[in-house]
PDB file of all heavy atoms in Angstrom:
ATOM      1  N   HIS A   1      36.332  83.240 132.151  1.00  0.00           N
ATOM      2  CA  HIS A   1      35.340  83.077 131.090  1.00  0.00           C
ATOM      3  C   HIS A   1      34.317  84.209 131.029  1.00  0.00           C
ATOM      4  O   HIS A   1      33.487  84.246 130.131  1.00  0.00           O
ATOM      5  CB  HIS A   1      34.621  81.739 131.239  1.00  0.00           C
ATOM      6  CG  HIS A   1      35.530  80.564 131.109  1.00  0.00           C
ATOM      7  ND1 HIS A   1      36.150  80.229 129.930  1.00  0.00           N
ATOM      8  CD2 HIS A   1      35.942  79.661 132.026  1.00  0.00           C
ATOM      9  CE1 HIS A   1      36.909  79.155 130.115  1.00  0.00           C
ATOM     10  NE2 HIS A   1      36.798  78.803 131.374  1.00  0.00           N
ATOM     11  N   ASN A   2      34.350  85.135 131.987  1.00  0.00           N
ATOM     12  CA  ASN A   2      33.372  86.230 131.999  1.00  0.00           C
ATOM     13  C   ASN A   2      33.628  87.217 130.871  1.00  0.00           C
ATOM     14  O   ASN A   2      34.760  87.629 130.636  1.00  0.00           O
ATOM     15  CB  ASN A   2      33.425  86.997 133.325  1.00  0.00           C
ATOM     16  CG  ASN A   2      32.705  86.285 134.439  1.00  0.00           C
ATOM     17  OD1 ASN A   2      31.923  85.368 134.210  1.00  0.00           O
ATOM     18  ND2 ASN A   2      32.961  86.711 135.658  1.00  0.00           N
ATOM     19  N   HIS A   3      32.553  87.577 130.198  1.00  0.00           N
ATOM     20  CA  HIS A   3      32.599  88.670 129.235  1.00  0.00           C
ATOM     21  C   HIS A   3      32.270  89.957 129.985  1.00  0.00           C
ATOM     22  O   HIS A   3      31.658  89.927 131.055  1.00  0.00           O
ATOM     23  CB  HIS A   3      31.593  88.436 128.115  1.00  0.00           C
ATOM     24  CG  HIS A   3      31.994  87.365 127.157  1.00  0.00           C
ATOM     25  ND1 HIS A   3      31.394  87.213 125.931  1.00  0.00           N
ATOM     26  CD2 HIS A   3      32.929  86.388 127.238  1.00  0.00           C
ATOM     27  CE1 HIS A   3      31.946  86.198 125.295  1.00  0.00           C
ATOM     28  NE2 HIS A   3      32.875  85.673 126.069  1.00  0.00           N
ATOM     29  N   ALA A   4      32.658  91.082 129.440  1.00  0.00           N
ATOM     30  CA  ALA A   4      32.482  92.371 130.114  1.00  0.00           C
ATOM     31  C   ALA A   4      31.028  92.665 130.447  1.00  0.00           C
ATOM     32  O   ALA A   4      30.702  93.045 131.579  1.00  0.00           O
ATOM     33  CB  ALA A   4      33.062  93.488 129.249  1.00  0.00           C
ATOM     34  N   GLU A   5      30.145  92.485 129.469  1.00  0.00           N
ATOM     35  CA  GLU A   5      28.734  92.763 129.684  1.00  0.00           C
ATOM     36  C   GLU A   5      28.165  91.825 130.751  1.00  0.00           C
ATOM     37  O   GLU A   5      27.391  92.255 131.613  1.00  0.00           O
ATOM     38  CB  GLU A   5      27.942  92.590 128.371  1.00  0.00           C
ATOM     39  CG  GLU A   5      28.426  93.468 127.243  1.00  0.00           C
ATOM     40  CD  GLU A   5      29.474  92.817 126.351  1.00  0.00           C
ATOM     41  OE1 GLU A   5      30.183  91.893 126.797  1.00  0.00           O
ATOM     42  OE2 GLU A   5      29.596  93.248 125.199  1.00  0.00           O
ATOM     43  N   GLU A   6      28.565  90.579 130.686  1.00  0.00           N
ATOM     44  CA  GLU A   6      28.127  89.566 131.656  1.00  0.00           C
ATOM     45  C   GLU A   6      28.562  89.942 133.070  1.00  0.00           C
ATOM     46  O   GLU A   6      27.777  89.851 134.022  1.00  0.00           O
ATOM     47  CB  GLU A   6      28.732  88.220 131.236  1.00  0.00           C
ATOM     48  CG  GLU A   6      28.506  87.080 132.160  1.00  0.00           C
ATOM     49  CD  GLU A   6      29.237  85.839 131.690  1.00  0.00           C
ATOM     50  OE1 GLU A   6      30.308  85.929 131.052  1.00  0.00           O
ATOM     51  OE2 GLU A   6      28.716  84.748 131.987  1.00  0.00           O
ATOM     52  N   ALA A   7      29.814  90.375 133.214  1.00  0.00           N
ATOM     53  CA  ALA A   7      30.344  90.759 134.525  1.00  0.00           C
ATOM     54  C   ALA A   7      29.578  91.960 135.089  1.00  0.00           C
ATOM     55  O   ALA A   7      29.242  91.995 136.279  1.00  0.00           O
ATOM     56  CB  ALA A   7      31.837  91.075 134.424  1.00  0.00           C
ATOM     57  N   ALA A   8      29.287  92.945 134.233  1.00  0.00           N
ATOM     58  CA  ALA A   8      28.553  94.129 134.687  1.00  0.00           C
ATOM     59  C   ALA A   8      27.116  93.759 135.068  1.00  0.00           C
ATOM     60  O   ALA A   8      26.623  94.172 136.128  1.00  0.00           O
ATOM     61  CB  ALA A   8      28.561  95.205 133.604  1.00  0.00           C
ATOM     62  N   LEU A   9      26.454  92.982 134.246  1.00  0.00           N
ATOM     63  CA  LEU A   9      25.069  92.588 134.523  1.00  0.00           C
ATOM     64  C   LEU A   9      24.965  91.746 135.791  1.00  0.00           C
ATOM     65  O   LEU A   9      23.992  91.863 136.541  1.00  0.00           O
ATOM     66  CB  LEU A   9      24.473  91.840 133.332  1.00  0.00           C
ATOM     67  CG  LEU A   9      24.119  92.715 132.128  1.00  0.00           C
ATOM     68  CD1 LEU A   9      23.883  91.861 130.893  1.00  0.00           C
ATOM     69  CD2 LEU A   9      22.907  93.581 132.439  1.00  0.00           C
ATOM     70  N   ALA A  10      25.956  90.914 136.054  1.00  0.00           N
ATOM     71  CA  ALA A  10      25.939  90.073 137.256  1.00  0.00           C
ATOM     72  C   ALA A  10      25.912  90.915 138.525  1.00  0.00           C
ATOM     73  O   ALA A  10      25.328  90.515 139.540  1.00  0.00           O
ATOM     74  CB  ALA A  10      27.148  89.136 137.261  1.00  0.00           C
ATOM     75  N   LYS A  11      26.504  92.096 138.471  1.00  0.00           N
ATOM     76  CA  LYS A  11      26.518  92.990 139.635  1.00  0.00           C
ATOM     77  C   LYS A  11      25.139  93.575 139.927  1.00  0.00           C
ATOM     78  O   LYS A  11      24.912  94.109 141.011  1.00  0.00           O
ATOM     79  CB  LYS A  11      27.543  94.103 139.429  1.00  0.00           C
ATOM     80  CG  LYS A  11      28.969  93.582 139.389  1.00  0.00           C
ATOM     81  CD  LYS A  11      29.941  94.659 138.997  1.00  0.00           C
ATOM     82  CE  LYS A  11      31.341  94.062 138.837  1.00  0.00           C
ATOM     83  NZ  LYS A  11      32.282  95.037 138.288  1.00  0.00           N
ATOM     84  N   LEU A  12      24.238  93.489 138.958  1.00  0.00           N
ATOM     85  CA  LEU A  12      22.888  94.023 139.138  1.00  0.00           C
ATOM     86  C   LEU A  12      21.880  92.936 139.505  1.00  0.00           C
ATOM     87  O   LEU A  12      20.724  93.252 139.814  1.00  0.00           O
ATOM     88  CB  LEU A  12      22.429  94.731 137.859  1.00  0.00           C
ATOM     89  CG  LEU A  12      23.299  95.896 137.392  1.00  0.00           C
ATOM     90  CD1 LEU A  12      22.745  96.495 136.108  1.00  0.00           C
ATOM     91  CD2 LEU A  12      23.426  96.958 138.470  1.00  0.00           C
ATOM     92  N   ALA A  13      22.319  91.698 139.478  1.00  0.00           N
ATOM     93  CA  ALA A  13      21.414  90.578 139.752  1.00  0.00           C
ATOM     94  C   ALA A  13      20.782  90.719 141.131  1.00  0.00           C
ATOM     95  O   ALA A  13      21.437  91.083 142.101  1.00  0.00           O
ATOM     96  CB  ALA A  13      22.170  89.258 139.650  1.00  0.00           C
ATOM     97  N   GLY A  14      19.476  90.450 141.200  1.00  0.00           N
ATOM     98  CA  GLY A  14      18.760  90.485 142.467  1.00  0.00           C
ATOM     99  C   GLY A  14      18.390  91.865 142.962  1.00  0.00           C
ATOM    100  O   GLY A  14      17.812  92.005 144.045  1.00  0.00           O
ATOM    101  N   ARG A  15      18.690  92.906 142.185  1.00  0.00           N
ATOM    102  CA  ARG A  15      18.392  94.272 142.632  1.00  0.00           C
ATOM    103  C   ARG A  15      17.032  94.761 142.157  1.00  0.00           C
ATOM    104  O   ARG A  15      16.630  95.861 142.497  1.00  0.00           O
ATOM    105  CB  ARG A  15      19.498  95.231 142.182  1.00  0.00           C
ATOM    106  CG  ARG A  15      20.801  94.959 142.942  1.00  0.00           C
ATOM    107  CD  ARG A  15      21.923  95.880 142.612  1.00  0.00           C
ATOM    108  NE  ARG A  15      21.589  97.299 142.677  1.00  0.00           N
ATOM    109  CZ  ARG A  15      22.392  98.251 142.235  1.00  0.00           C
ATOM    110  NH1 ARG A  15      23.557  97.951 141.697  1.00  0.00           N
ATOM    111  NH2 ARG A  15      22.038  99.510 142.312  1.00  0.00           N
ATOM    112  N   ASP A  16      16.332  93.955 141.381  1.00  0.00           N
ATOM    113  CA  ASP A  16      14.975  94.281 140.924  1.00  0.00           C
ATOM    114  C   ASP A  16      14.884  95.689 140.332  1.00  0.00           C
ATOM    115  O   ASP A  16      14.029  96.490 140.707  1.00  0.00           O
ATOM    116  CB  ASP A  16      13.971  94.104 142.067  1.00  0.00           C
ATOM    117  CG  ASP A  16      12.534  94.056 141.556  1.00  0.00           C
ATOM    118  OD1 ASP A  16      12.324  93.539 140.439  1.00  0.00           O
ATOM    119  OD2 ASP A  16      11.642  94.547 142.268  1.00  0.00           O
ATOM    120  N   LEU A  17      15.785  95.981 139.396  1.00  0.00           N
ATOM    121  CA  LEU A  17      15.826  97.287 138.747  1.00  0.00           C
ATOM    122  C   LEU A  17      15.079  97.253 137.420  1.00  0.00           C
ATOM    123  O   LEU A  17      15.134  96.258 136.695  1.00  0.00           O
ATOM    124  CB  LEU A  17      17.279  97.690 138.458  1.00  0.00           C
ATOM    125  CG  LEU A  17      18.195  97.881 139.654  1.00  0.00           C
ATOM    126  CD1 LEU A  17      19.635  98.035 139.188  1.00  0.00           C
ATOM    127  CD2 LEU A  17      17.769  99.094 140.455  1.00  0.00           C
ATOM    128  N   ASP A  18      14.399  98.340 137.101  1.00  0.00           N
ATOM    129  CA  ASP A  18      13.804  98.495 135.783  1.00  0.00           C
ATOM    130  C   ASP A  18      14.902  99.074 134.893  1.00  0.00           C
ATOM    131  O   ASP A  18      15.285 100.232 135.052  1.00  0.00           O
ATOM    132  CB  ASP A  18      12.602  99.438 135.836  1.00  0.00           C
ATOM    133  CG  ASP A  18      12.020  99.723 134.462  1.00  0.00           C
ATOM    134  OD1 ASP A  18      12.475  99.135 133.451  1.00  0.00           O
ATOM    135  OD2 ASP A  18      11.090 100.559 134.390  1.00  0.00           O
ATOM    136  N   LEU A  19      15.417  98.265 133.978  1.00  0.00           N
ATOM    137  CA  LEU A  19      16.533  98.685 133.139  1.00  0.00           C
ATOM    138  C   LEU A  19      16.093  99.142 131.749  1.00  0.00           C
ATOM    139  O   LEU A  19      16.936  99.336 130.865  1.00  0.00           O
ATOM    140  CB  LEU A  19      17.555  97.551 133.028  1.00  0.00           C
ATOM    141  CG  LEU A  19      18.203  97.127 134.349  1.00  0.00           C
ATOM    142  CD1 LEU A  19      19.117  95.927 134.145  1.00  0.00           C
ATOM    143  CD2 LEU A  19      18.982  98.286 134.966  1.00  0.00           C
ATOM    144  N   SER A  20      14.805  99.336 131.557  1.00  0.00           N
ATOM    145  CA  SER A  20      14.318  99.734 130.234  1.00  0.00           C
ATOM    146  C   SER A  20      14.881 101.087 129.790  1.00  0.00           C
ATOM    147  O   SER A  20      15.055 101.332 128.603  1.00  0.00           O
ATOM    148  CB  SER A  20      12.799  99.746 130.193  1.00  0.00           C
ATOM    149  OG  SER A  20      12.280 100.651 131.152  1.00  0.00           O
ATOM    150  N   GLY A  21      15.203 101.959 130.736  1.00  0.00           N
ATOM    151  CA  GLY A  21      15.799 103.250 130.413  1.00  0.00           C
ATOM    152  C   GLY A  21      17.313 103.258 130.523  1.00  0.00           C
ATOM    153  O   GLY A  21      17.953 104.284 130.329  1.00  0.00           O
ATOM    154  N   ALA A  22      17.887 102.089 130.818  1.00  0.00           N
ATOM    155  CA  ALA A  22      19.337 101.980 131.003  1.00  0.00           C
ATOM    156  C   ALA A  22      20.065 101.861 129.669  1.00  0.00           C
ATOM    157  O   ALA A  22      19.491 101.467 128.653  1.00  0.00           O
ATOM    158  CB  ALA A  22      19.662 100.769 131.874  1.00  0.00           C
ATOM    159  N   THR A  23      21.341 102.211 129.717  1.00  0.00           N
ATOM    160  CA  THR A  23      22.233 102.061 128.560  1.00  0.00           C
ATOM    161  C   THR A  23      23.421 101.234 129.000  1.00  0.00           C
ATOM    162  O   THR A  23      23.972 101.443 130.082  1.00  0.00           O
ATOM    163  CB  THR A  23      22.730 103.435 128.055  1.00  0.00           C
ATOM    164  OG1 THR A  23      21.604 104.217 127.648  1.00  0.00           O
ATOM    165  CG2 THR A  23      23.696 103.291 126.896  1.00  0.00           C
ATOM    166  N   ILE A  24      23.819 100.287 128.159  1.00  0.00           N
ATOM    167  CA  ILE A  24      25.084  99.587 128.383  1.00  0.00           C
ATOM    168  C   ILE A  24      26.052 100.060 127.307  1.00  0.00           C
ATOM    169  O   ILE A  24      25.738 100.029 126.113  1.00  0.00           O
ATOM    170  CB  ILE A  24      24.939  98.048 128.416  1.00  0.00           C
ATOM    171  CG1 ILE A  24      26.282  97.393 128.791  1.00  0.00           C
ATOM    172  CG2 ILE A  24      24.387  97.492 127.121  1.00  0.00           C
ATOM    173  CD1 ILE A  24      26.180  95.934 129.200  1.00  0.00           C
ATOM    174  N   TYR A  25      27.165 100.570 127.756  1.00  0.00           N
ATOM    175  CA  TYR A  25      28.241 101.013 126.877  1.00  0.00           C
ATOM    176  C   TYR A  25      29.250  99.878 126.836  1.00  0.00           C
ATOM    177  O   TYR A  25      29.729  99.436 127.886  1.00  0.00           O
ATOM    178  CB  TYR A  25      28.905 102.279 127.426  1.00  0.00           C
ATOM    179  CG  TYR A  25      27.960 103.448 127.467  1.00  0.00           C
ATOM    180  CD1 TYR A  25      27.169 103.704 128.587  1.00  0.00           C
ATOM    181  CD2 TYR A  25      27.828 104.288 126.367  1.00  0.00           C
ATOM    182  CE1 TYR A  25      26.275 104.768 128.609  1.00  0.00           C
ATOM    183  CE2 TYR A  25      26.937 105.363 126.383  1.00  0.00           C
ATOM    184  CZ  TYR A  25      26.169 105.589 127.508  1.00  0.00           C
ATOM    185  OH  TYR A  25      25.288 106.639 127.519  1.00  0.00           O
ATOM    186  N   THR A  26      29.547  99.395 125.654  1.00  0.00           N
ATOM    187  CA  THR A  26      30.482  98.284 125.533  1.00  0.00           C
ATOM    188  C   THR A  26      31.462  98.564 124.404  1.00  0.00           C
ATOM    189  O   THR A  26      31.063  99.036 123.334  1.00  0.00           O
ATOM    190  CB  THR A  26      29.744  96.941 125.331  1.00  0.00           C
ATOM    191  OG1 THR A  26      30.702  95.895 125.191  1.00  0.00           O
ATOM    192  CG2 THR A  26      28.815  96.965 124.137  1.00  0.00           C
ATOM    193  N   SER A  27      32.724  98.320 124.666  1.00  0.00           N
ATOM    194  CA  SER A  27      33.732  98.654 123.676  1.00  0.00           C
ATOM    195  C   SER A  27      33.600  97.818 122.407  1.00  0.00           C
ATOM    196  O   SER A  27      33.934  98.282 121.327  1.00  0.00           O
ATOM    197  CB  SER A  27      35.140  98.530 124.276  1.00  0.00           C
ATOM    198  OG  SER A  27      35.383  97.242 124.789  1.00  0.00           O
ATOM    199  N   LEU A  28      33.067  96.600 122.541  1.00  0.00           N
ATOM    200  CA  LEU A  28      32.937  95.698 121.400  1.00  0.00           C
ATOM    201  C   LEU A  28      31.502  95.169 121.320  1.00  0.00           C
ATOM    202  O   LEU A  28      30.860  94.958 122.358  1.00  0.00           O
ATOM    203  CB  LEU A  28      33.907  94.525 121.561  1.00  0.00           C
ATOM    204  CG  LEU A  28      34.157  93.630 120.356  1.00  0.00           C
ATOM    205  CD1 LEU A  28      34.917  94.369 119.261  1.00  0.00           C
ATOM    206  CD2 LEU A  28      34.960  92.405 120.784  1.00  0.00           C
ATOM    207  N   GLU A  29      31.025  94.946 120.139  1.00  0.00           N
ATOM    208  CA  GLU A  29      29.675  94.422 119.906  1.00  0.00           C
ATOM    209  C   GLU A  29      29.407  93.208 120.794  1.00  0.00           C
ATOM    210  O   GLU A  29      30.228  92.294 120.865  1.00  0.00           O
ATOM    211  CB  GLU A  29      29.572  94.021 118.434  1.00  0.00           C
ATOM    212  CG  GLU A  29      28.267  93.427 118.014  1.00  0.00           C
ATOM    213  CD  GLU A  29      28.252  93.054 116.540  1.00  0.00           C
ATOM    214  OE1 GLU A  29      29.342  92.843 115.951  1.00  0.00           O
ATOM    215  OE2 GLU A  29      27.155  92.985 115.985  1.00  0.00           O
ATOM    216  N   PRO A  30      28.275  93.180 121.491  1.00  0.00           N
ATOM    217  CA  PRO A  30      27.950  92.029 122.335  1.00  0.00           C
ATOM    218  C   PRO A  30      27.891  90.733 121.523  1.00  0.00           C
ATOM    219  O   PRO A  30      27.378  90.707 120.406  1.00  0.00           O
ATOM    220  CB  PRO A  30      26.574  92.388 122.910  1.00  0.00           C
ATOM    221  CG  PRO A  30      26.541  93.882 122.876  1.00  0.00           C
ATOM    222  CD  PRO A  30      27.281  94.251 121.623  1.00  0.00           C
ATOM    223  N   CYS A  31      28.425  89.675 122.111  1.00  0.00           N
ATOM    224  CA  CYS A  31      28.548  88.396 121.412  1.00  0.00           C
ATOM    225  C   CYS A  31      27.190  87.741 121.151  1.00  0.00           C
ATOM    226  O   CYS A  31      26.215  87.977 121.859  1.00  0.00           O
ATOM    227  CB  CYS A  31      29.445  87.448 122.197  1.00  0.00           C
ATOM    228  SG  CYS A  31      28.701  86.821 123.726  1.00  0.00           S
ATOM    229  N   THR A  32      27.187  86.899 120.122  1.00  0.00           N
ATOM    230  CA  THR A  32      26.004  86.096 119.802  1.00  0.00           C
ATOM    231  C   THR A  32      26.339  84.608 119.752  1.00  0.00           C
ATOM    232  O   THR A  32      25.503  83.797 119.361  1.00  0.00           O
ATOM    233  CB  THR A  32      25.390  86.526 118.446  1.00  0.00           C
ATOM    234  OG1 THR A  32      26.397  86.465 117.436  1.00  0.00           O
ATOM    235  CG2 THR A  32      24.812  87.925 118.521  1.00  0.00           C
ATOM    236  N   MET A  33      27.557  84.267 120.169  1.00  0.00           N
ATOM    237  CA  MET A  33      27.976  82.869 120.213  1.00  0.00           C
ATOM    238  C   MET A  33      28.994  82.717 121.334  1.00  0.00           C
ATOM    239  O   MET A  33      29.876  83.553 121.493  1.00  0.00           O
ATOM    240  CB  MET A  33      28.619  82.471 118.885  1.00  0.00           C
ATOM    241  CG  MET A  33      29.186  81.064 118.875  1.00  0.00           C
ATOM    242  SD  MET A  33      30.039  80.717 117.332  1.00  0.00           S
ATOM    243  CE  MET A  33      28.639  80.231 116.350  1.00  0.00           C
ATOM    244  N   ARG A  34      28.836  81.638 122.131  1.00  0.00           N
ATOM    245  CA  ARG A  34      29.778  81.381 123.228  1.00  0.00           C
ATOM    246  C   ARG A  34      30.088  79.906 123.320  1.00  0.00           C
ATOM    247  O   ARG A  34      29.220  79.073 123.090  1.00  0.00           O
ATOM    248  CB  ARG A  34      29.182  81.823 124.559  1.00  0.00           C
ATOM    249  CG  ARG A  34      29.006  83.314 124.588  1.00  0.00           C
ATOM    250  CD  ARG A  34      29.092  83.977 125.857  1.00  0.00           C
ATOM    251  NE  ARG A  34      30.150  83.702 126.764  1.00  0.00           N
ATOM    252  CZ  ARG A  34      30.145  84.198 127.981  1.00  0.00           C
ATOM    253  NH1 ARG A  34      29.142  84.929 128.395  1.00  0.00           N
ATOM    254  NH2 ARG A  34      31.136  83.964 128.796  1.00  0.00           N
ATOM    255  N   LYS A  35      31.297  79.608 123.699  1.00  0.00           N
ATOM    256  CA  LYS A  35      31.683  78.226 123.980  1.00  0.00           C
ATOM    257  C   LYS A  35      31.639  77.945 125.474  1.00  0.00           C
ATOM    258  O   LYS A  35      31.398  76.830 125.892  1.00  0.00           O
ATOM    259  CB  LYS A  35      33.097  77.948 123.452  1.00  0.00           C
ATOM    260  CG  LYS A  35      33.198  77.969 121.951  1.00  0.00           C
ATOM    261  CD  LYS A  35      34.616  77.678 121.517  1.00  0.00           C
ATOM    262  CE  LYS A  35      34.731  77.731 120.006  1.00  0.00           C
ATOM    263  NZ  LYS A  35      36.090  77.546 119.551  1.00  0.00           N
ATOM    264  N   SER A  36      31.865  78.982 126.283  1.00  0.00           N
ATOM    265  CA  SER A  36      32.049  78.791 127.720  1.00  0.00           C
ATOM    266  C   SER A  36      30.775  78.934 128.548  1.00  0.00           C
ATOM    267  O   SER A  36      30.769  78.570 129.712  1.00  0.00           O
ATOM    268  CB  SER A  36      33.084  79.786 128.240  1.00  0.00           C
ATOM    269  OG  SER A  36      32.650  81.110 128.000  1.00  0.00           O
ATOM    270  N   ARG A  37      29.701  79.480 127.982  1.00  0.00           N
ATOM    271  CA  ARG A  37      28.476  79.718 128.731  1.00  0.00           C
ATOM    272  C   ARG A  37      27.267  79.456 127.827  1.00  0.00           C
ATOM    273  O   ARG A  37      27.336  79.612 126.613  1.00  0.00           O
ATOM    274  CB  ARG A  37      28.393  81.168 129.205  1.00  0.00           C
ATOM    275  CG  ARG A  37      29.516  81.634 130.104  1.00  0.00           C
ATOM    276  CD  ARG A  37      29.205  81.341 131.569  1.00  0.00           C
ATOM    277  NE  ARG A  37      29.965  82.170 132.473  1.00  0.00           N
ATOM    278  CZ  ARG A  37      31.169  81.878 132.925  1.00  0.00           C
ATOM    279  NH1 ARG A  37      31.780  80.805 132.539  1.00  0.00           N
ATOM    280  NH2 ARG A  37      31.770  82.693 133.777  1.00  0.00           N
TER     281      ARG A  37
END
C-alpha cells in the first residue's frame, strides 16, 4: 500500500531535518485521495 513519496518520506522520519530547502522528485503527481491510508 506504500506510495513512492510515502516510502521515501518514511526513511526520513525521526531525523529532525529542515526540509524547507529540499526537493522531492516524483514521476507522477502526488496523490490527493487514498483508500489505503
